[in-house]
Amino acid sequence: MLRQSLFRRSFSTTSAIKTWSANSPSLNVPLSYTKYPASEKNQTSHNAPLIVCHGLFGSKQNWRSLARSMSQRLSRDVYTLDMRNHGESPHAELHTYDAMANDLVAFMEHHKLENPILLGHSMGGKVVMATALQHPQLVKKLVVVDIAPFSLPLSNDFASYIDAMRKIDQANVKKQSQADEILQDVESDMGIRMFILTNLKRQSDGHYKFRIPYDILGKALGHVGDFTKVEGQYPGPTQFIAGGNSNYCKPLQQYPDKLKLMFPDYRIDVVENAGHWGRLYNIISVFINYR
């Protein structure tokens, strides 16, 4: 399943990468980001930058390896972001797609990124769709991974993960293995558990605590599944990518008329072997470079 494949960690770094984080929340949350610059020999001012937005409980680190590869092979700067209430970005009570789209537009304006390509996975996919629908003139192309522009209830798993995070914090664990034992009560898949536990942070007293505000995210789960309040049309090229076993593959194929109203220039690619990063990269590469 594509959701599981995108939960995997990446481990490499380079000195050329620039990371920024802000801690003073305002109406628009200043988003923490990492920039992966195109190599100097391939750098060209004509290539639109690519901005990547992660899914629920994720962070910019989830896309580290793929972002580095895309920056070099697609000859363009790639920015990976931490959405509000995730990673190193500030926390805010409001967690809606309007708010997150406003954060993204503010990021683009602050960094003077004109007509970027937006790529989003899961929750991040809805963020980039909301941004493109509300501000179509700001977006060159759109890539949406494993999510549909419809209101679909989230799996009950997410509420169970929130409860498990709360229990882990209350247990004052001093080892990640102790946190993993608690999480095993609600999730048997080790890959998903490791993904969730990337949000643990060691405190000065030696205890591990979650850095994401799970109470805020728990209250926002209904908003995360919703997409009814987002209106508009994005006429630019739009690529939907879905895992063959994903819950979002069928809705994308069942409602072509609804899709065409919002995204008249769209296409859908289904990744049957959802765990294969190469297939995902190839689809994105062809779409960005040749369409």
Protein backbone atom coordinates (compact mmCIF):
# COMPACT_ATOMS: atom_id res chain seq x y z
CA MET A 1 0.00 0.00 0.00
CA LEU A 2 1.35 3.40 -1.01
CA ARG A 3 0.61 4.94 2.40
CA GLN A 4 2.95 2.45 4.03
CA SER A 5 5.69 2.96 1.46
CA LEU A 6 5.72 6.71 2.11
CA PHE A 7 6.05 6.14 5.86
CA ARG A 8 9.65 4.97 5.46
CA ARG A 9 12.58 6.94 6.84
CA SER A 10 15.46 8.45 4.88
CA PHE A 11 18.94 8.87 6.33
CA SER A 12 21.32 10.88 4.10
CA THR A 13 22.38 14.56 4.37
CA THR A 14 24.60 17.04 2.53
CA SER A 15 26.20 20.30 3.56
CA ALA A 16 24.52 22.16 0.68
CA ILE A 17 21.09 21.67 2.22
CA LYS A 18 19.61 24.65 4.04
CA THR A 19 17.18 24.17 6.93
CA TRP A 20 15.13 26.90 8.59
CA SER A 21 12.68 26.80 11.49
CA ALA A 22 10.54 29.48 13.11
CA ASN A 23 8.90 29.50 16.53
CA SER A 24 6.75 32.65 16.55
CA PRO A 25 3.25 31.63 15.43
CA SER A 26 1.04 34.25 13.78
CA LEU A 27 -2.13 34.17 11.69
CA ASN A 28 -0.09 32.34 9.05
CA VAL A 29 2.27 29.81 10.60
CA PRO A 30 5.88 30.20 9.33
CA LEU A 31 6.75 26.75 8.08
CA SER A 32 9.98 24.93 8.81
CA TYR A 33 11.58 23.73 5.59
CA THR A 34 14.60 22.12 3.99
CA LYS A 35 15.85 23.27 0.60
CA TYR A 36 17.55 20.77 -1.72
CA PRO A 37 19.24 22.88 -4.42
CA ALA A 38 19.79 21.66 -7.95
CA SER A 39 23.45 21.01 -8.69
CA GLU A 40 25.29 24.04 -10.08
CA LYS A 41 26.00 22.38 -13.42
CA ASN A 42 22.30 21.60 -13.90
CA GLN A 43 20.93 24.80 -12.35
CA THR A 44 18.66 26.83 -14.61
CA SER A 45 16.39 29.73 -13.85
CA HIS A 46 13.76 28.30 -16.21
CA ASN A 47 12.96 25.26 -14.07
CA ALA A 48 10.14 25.86 -11.61
CA PRO A 49 10.90 24.93 -8.00
CA LEU A 50 9.13 21.95 -6.47
CA ILE A 51 7.45 22.20 -3.04
CA VAL A 52 6.62 18.97 -1.17
CA CYS A 53 3.96 18.72 1.57
CA HIS A 54 3.78 15.61 3.79
CA GLY A 55 0.81 13.73 5.25
CA LEU A 56 -0.78 13.50 8.69
CA PHE A 57 1.77 12.70 11.46
CA GLY A 58 4.55 13.09 8.91
CA SER A 59 7.32 15.65 8.46
CA LYS A 60 9.72 17.00 5.86
CA GLN A 61 12.16 14.23 6.79
CA ASN A 62 9.89 11.58 5.21
CA TRP A 63 10.77 12.95 1.76
CA ARG A 64 14.47 13.56 2.35
CA SER A 65 15.96 10.96 0.00
CA LEU A 66 13.41 11.42 -2.79
CA ALA A 67 13.66 15.23 -2.57
CA ARG A 68 17.45 15.11 -2.90
CA SER A 69 17.17 12.79 -5.88
CA MET A 70 14.53 14.96 -7.57
CA SER A 71 16.56 18.14 -7.09
CA GLN A 72 19.48 16.61 -8.97
CA ARG A 73 17.74 14.53 -11.60
CA LEU A 74 14.99 17.06 -12.35
CA SER A 75 17.46 20.00 -12.26
CA ARG A 76 15.38 22.18 -9.96
CA ASP A 77 15.31 23.35 -6.35
CA VAL A 78 13.13 21.20 -4.10
CA TYR A 79 11.63 22.43 -0.83
CA THR A 80 10.22 19.99 1.74
CA LEU A 81 7.97 21.57 4.37
CA ASP A 82 6.71 20.78 7.86
CA MET A 83 3.00 21.62 7.95
CA ARG A 84 1.62 23.47 10.98
CA ASN A 85 1.40 21.18 14.04
CA HIS A 86 4.01 18.86 12.52
CA GLY A 87 7.77 18.48 12.65
CA GLU A 88 9.60 21.68 13.58
CA SER A 89 6.83 24.07 12.54
CA PRO A 90 4.88 26.01 15.20
CA HIS A 91 1.66 24.73 16.72
CA ALA A 92 -1.73 26.39 16.18
CA GLU A 93 -5.24 25.52 17.37
CA LEU A 94 -6.70 25.94 13.89
CA HIS A 95 -5.92 22.94 11.69
CA THR A 96 -7.99 23.29 8.51
CA TYR A 97 -7.14 23.16 4.82
CA ASP A 98 -7.86 26.87 4.43
CA ALA A 99 -5.34 27.62 7.19
CA MET A 100 -2.71 25.26 5.80
CA ALA A 101 -3.19 26.59 2.26
CA ASN A 102 -2.68 30.11 3.59
CA ASP A 103 0.53 28.93 5.29
CA LEU A 104 1.75 27.53 1.98
CA VAL A 105 0.94 30.71 0.03
CA ALA A 106 2.71 32.80 2.69
CA PHE A 107 5.76 30.51 2.37
CA MET A 108 5.80 30.94 -1.41
CA GLU A 109 5.54 34.72 -1.08
CA HIS A 110 8.21 34.94 1.64
CA HIS A 111 10.71 32.96 -0.43
CA LYS A 112 9.68 34.60 -3.72
CA LEU A 113 8.85 31.25 -5.34
CA GLU A 114 6.96 32.09 -8.52
CA ASN A 115 4.72 29.46 -10.10
CA PRO A 116 6.16 26.44 -8.27
CA ILE A 117 5.11 22.85 -8.82
CA LEU A 118 3.23 21.61 -5.75
CA LEU A 119 3.44 17.97 -4.63
CA GLY A 120 1.44 16.68 -1.67
CA HIS A 121 0.86 13.30 -0.05
CA SER A 122 -2.33 12.42 1.86
CA MET A 123 -3.17 15.45 4.06
CA GLY A 124 -0.49 17.38 2.18
CA GLY A 125 -2.23 16.42 -1.06
CA LYS A 126 -5.38 18.18 0.10
CA VAL A 127 -3.30 21.18 1.16
CA VAL A 128 -1.80 21.58 -2.32
CA MET A 129 -5.19 20.99 -3.98
CA ALA A 130 -6.80 23.66 -1.79
CA THR A 131 -3.96 26.04 -2.63
CA ALA A 132 -4.28 25.44 -6.37
CA LEU A 133 -8.08 25.71 -6.37
CA GLN A 134 -8.05 28.97 -4.43
CA HIS A 135 -4.96 30.50 -6.07
CA PRO A 136 -4.66 28.88 -9.52
CA GLN A 137 -2.49 31.70 -10.86
CA LEU A 138 0.24 30.88 -8.33
CA VAL A 139 0.74 27.20 -9.27
CA LYS A 140 2.49 25.83 -12.37
CA LYS A 141 1.64 22.13 -11.93
CA LEU A 142 0.08 19.90 -9.30
CA VAL A 143 1.05 16.39 -8.13
CA VAL A 144 -1.31 14.67 -5.66
CA VAL A 145 -0.25 11.38 -4.07
CA ASP A 146 -2.70 8.89 -2.52
CA ILE A 147 -5.62 11.22 -1.79
CA ALA A 148 -8.76 12.40 -3.59
CA PRO A 149 -10.41 15.86 -3.58
CA PHE A 150 -13.48 14.50 -1.82
CA SER A 151 -14.69 14.20 1.76
CA LEU A 152 -13.86 10.70 2.97
CA PRO A 153 -13.86 9.59 6.62
CA LEU A 154 -10.45 8.80 8.02
CA SER A 155 -9.69 5.30 9.20
CA ASN A 156 -10.35 4.71 12.90
CA ASP A 157 -6.65 3.87 13.09
CA PHE A 158 -5.78 7.56 13.34
CA ALA A 159 -7.86 8.09 16.50
CA SER A 160 -6.22 4.96 17.95
CA TYR A 161 -2.79 6.40 17.19
CA ILE A 162 -3.72 9.61 19.03
CA ASP A 163 -4.78 7.61 22.10
CA ALA A 164 -1.54 5.61 21.98
CA MET A 165 0.55 8.79 21.79
CA ARG A 166 -1.21 10.13 24.86
CA LYS A 167 -0.53 6.88 26.75
CA ILE A 168 3.14 6.97 25.75
CA ASP A 169 3.53 10.54 27.03
CA GLN A 170 1.81 9.64 30.29
CA ALA A 171 4.06 6.60 30.73
CA ASN A 172 7.22 8.77 30.81
CA VAL A 173 9.17 6.26 28.75
CA LYS A 174 12.96 6.50 28.61
CA LYS A 175 13.45 4.18 25.64
CA GLN A 176 11.83 4.17 22.22
CA SER A 177 11.36 0.43 22.60
CA GLN A 178 9.03 1.11 25.53
CA ALA A 179 6.99 3.46 23.37
CA ASP A 180 6.88 0.85 20.63
CA GLU A 181 5.47 -1.72 23.07
CA ILE A 182 2.56 0.59 23.87
CA LEU A 183 1.97 1.35 20.20
CA GLN A 184 1.85 -2.36 19.36
CA ASP A 185 -1.52 -2.51 21.12
CA VAL A 186 -3.08 -0.55 18.24
CA GLU A 187 -0.73 -1.16 15.28
CA SER A 188 0.92 -4.42 14.24
CA ASP A 189 2.82 -3.02 11.24
CA MET A 190 6.36 -2.17 12.32
CA GLY A 191 6.86 0.30 9.46
CA ILE A 192 3.86 2.38 10.50
CA ARG A 193 4.93 2.25 14.16
CA MET A 194 8.41 3.46 13.28
CA PHE A 195 6.88 6.25 11.21
CA ILE A 196 4.74 7.43 14.14
CA LEU A 197 7.66 7.17 16.55
CA THR A 198 9.75 9.55 14.43
CA ASN A 199 7.69 12.20 16.24
CA LEU A 200 9.21 11.27 19.62
CA LYS A 201 11.75 13.71 21.02
CA ARG A 202 14.08 13.11 23.95
CA GLN A 203 13.61 15.70 26.71
CA SER A 204 16.27 17.17 29.01
CA ASP A 205 15.13 14.84 31.82
CA GLY A 206 15.70 11.77 29.63
CA HIS A 207 12.03 11.04 28.94
CA TYR A 208 10.64 10.80 25.42
CA LYS A 209 7.66 12.98 24.50
CA PHE A 210 5.81 13.56 21.24
CA ARG A 211 6.69 16.82 19.53
CA ILE A 212 3.39 17.00 17.65
CA PRO A 213 0.32 18.42 19.49
CA TYR A 214 -1.74 15.24 19.31
CA ASP A 215 -4.66 16.81 21.22
CA ILE A 216 -5.00 19.51 18.54
CA LEU A 217 -4.66 16.95 15.75
CA GLY A 218 -7.13 14.63 17.47
CA LYS A 219 -9.77 17.36 17.48
CA ALA A 220 -8.98 18.12 13.83
CA LEU A 221 -9.38 14.58 12.45
CA GLY A 222 -12.83 15.44 11.09
CA HIS A 223 -11.42 18.45 9.24
CA VAL A 224 -8.59 16.34 7.82
CA GLY A 225 -11.07 13.94 6.20
CA ASP A 226 -13.32 16.76 4.94
CA PHE A 227 -12.99 18.67 1.67
CA THR A 228 -16.49 20.11 1.19
CA LYS A 229 -15.61 23.73 1.96
CA VAL A 230 -12.91 24.02 -0.70
CA GLU A 231 -14.18 25.59 -3.92
CA GLY A 232 -12.70 26.80 -7.18
CA GLN A 233 -11.06 25.36 -10.28
CA TYR A 234 -7.43 24.74 -11.15
CA PRO A 235 -6.95 24.59 -14.95
CA GLY A 236 -3.25 23.66 -14.87
CA PRO A 237 -1.76 20.18 -15.39
CA THR A 238 -2.68 17.89 -12.49
CA GLN A 239 -1.26 14.43 -11.77
CA PHE A 240 -3.03 12.07 -9.36
CA ILE A 241 -0.98 9.08 -8.17
CA ALA A 242 -2.70 6.31 -6.19
CA GLY A 243 -1.65 2.95 -4.81
CA GLY A 244 -3.49 0.03 -6.36
CA ASN A 245 -4.76 -1.09 -2.94
CA SER A 246 -5.37 2.43 -1.65
CA ASN A 247 -8.79 3.49 -0.39
CA TYR A 248 -8.41 6.58 -2.59
CA CYS A 249 -7.83 4.80 -5.88
CA LYS A 250 -11.48 3.85 -6.43
CA PRO A 251 -13.00 7.32 -5.75
CA LEU A 252 -10.56 8.88 -8.22
CA GLN A 253 -11.75 6.48 -10.92
CA GLN A 254 -15.46 6.55 -9.99
CA TYR A 255 -16.11 10.29 -10.21
CA PRO A 256 -14.43 11.61 -13.37
CA ASP A 257 -17.04 14.35 -13.87
CA LYS A 258 -16.47 15.77 -10.38
CA LEU A 259 -12.72 15.63 -10.89
CA LYS A 260 -12.97 17.41 -14.23
CA LEU A 261 -14.99 20.26 -12.71
CA MET A 262 -12.15 21.00 -10.29
CA PHE A 263 -9.15 19.85 -12.33
CA PRO A 264 -10.05 19.86 -16.06
CA ASP A 265 -6.49 18.96 -17.11
CA TYR A 266 -5.94 15.90 -14.91
CA ARG A 267 -4.56 12.40 -15.31
CA ILE A 268 -4.42 9.41 -12.96
CA ASP A 269 -1.60 6.88 -12.55
CA VAL A 270 -2.04 3.80 -10.39
CA VAL A 271 1.04 2.30 -8.73
CA GLU A 272 0.24 -1.41 -8.35
CA ASN A 273 3.49 -2.18 -6.54
CA ALA A 274 3.03 0.67 -4.08
CA GLY A 275 6.21 -0.09 -2.16
CA HIS A 276 8.43 0.66 -5.16
CA TRP A 277 9.91 4.18 -4.93
CA GLY A 278 11.31 3.98 -8.45
CA ARG A 279 7.88 3.74 -10.04
CA LEU A 280 6.67 6.76 -8.04
CA TYR A 281 9.74 8.77 -9.04
CA ASN A 282 9.35 7.89 -12.72
CA ILE A 283 5.72 9.05 -12.81
CA ILE A 284 6.59 12.35 -11.14
CA SER A 285 9.65 12.83 -13.36
CA VAL A 286 7.78 12.33 -16.64
CA PHE A 287 4.93 14.60 -15.56
CA ILE A 288 7.18 17.43 -14.38
CA ASN A 289 9.66 17.36 -17.26
CA TYR A 290 7.51 16.55 -20.27
CA ARG A 291 4.01 17.84 -19.67
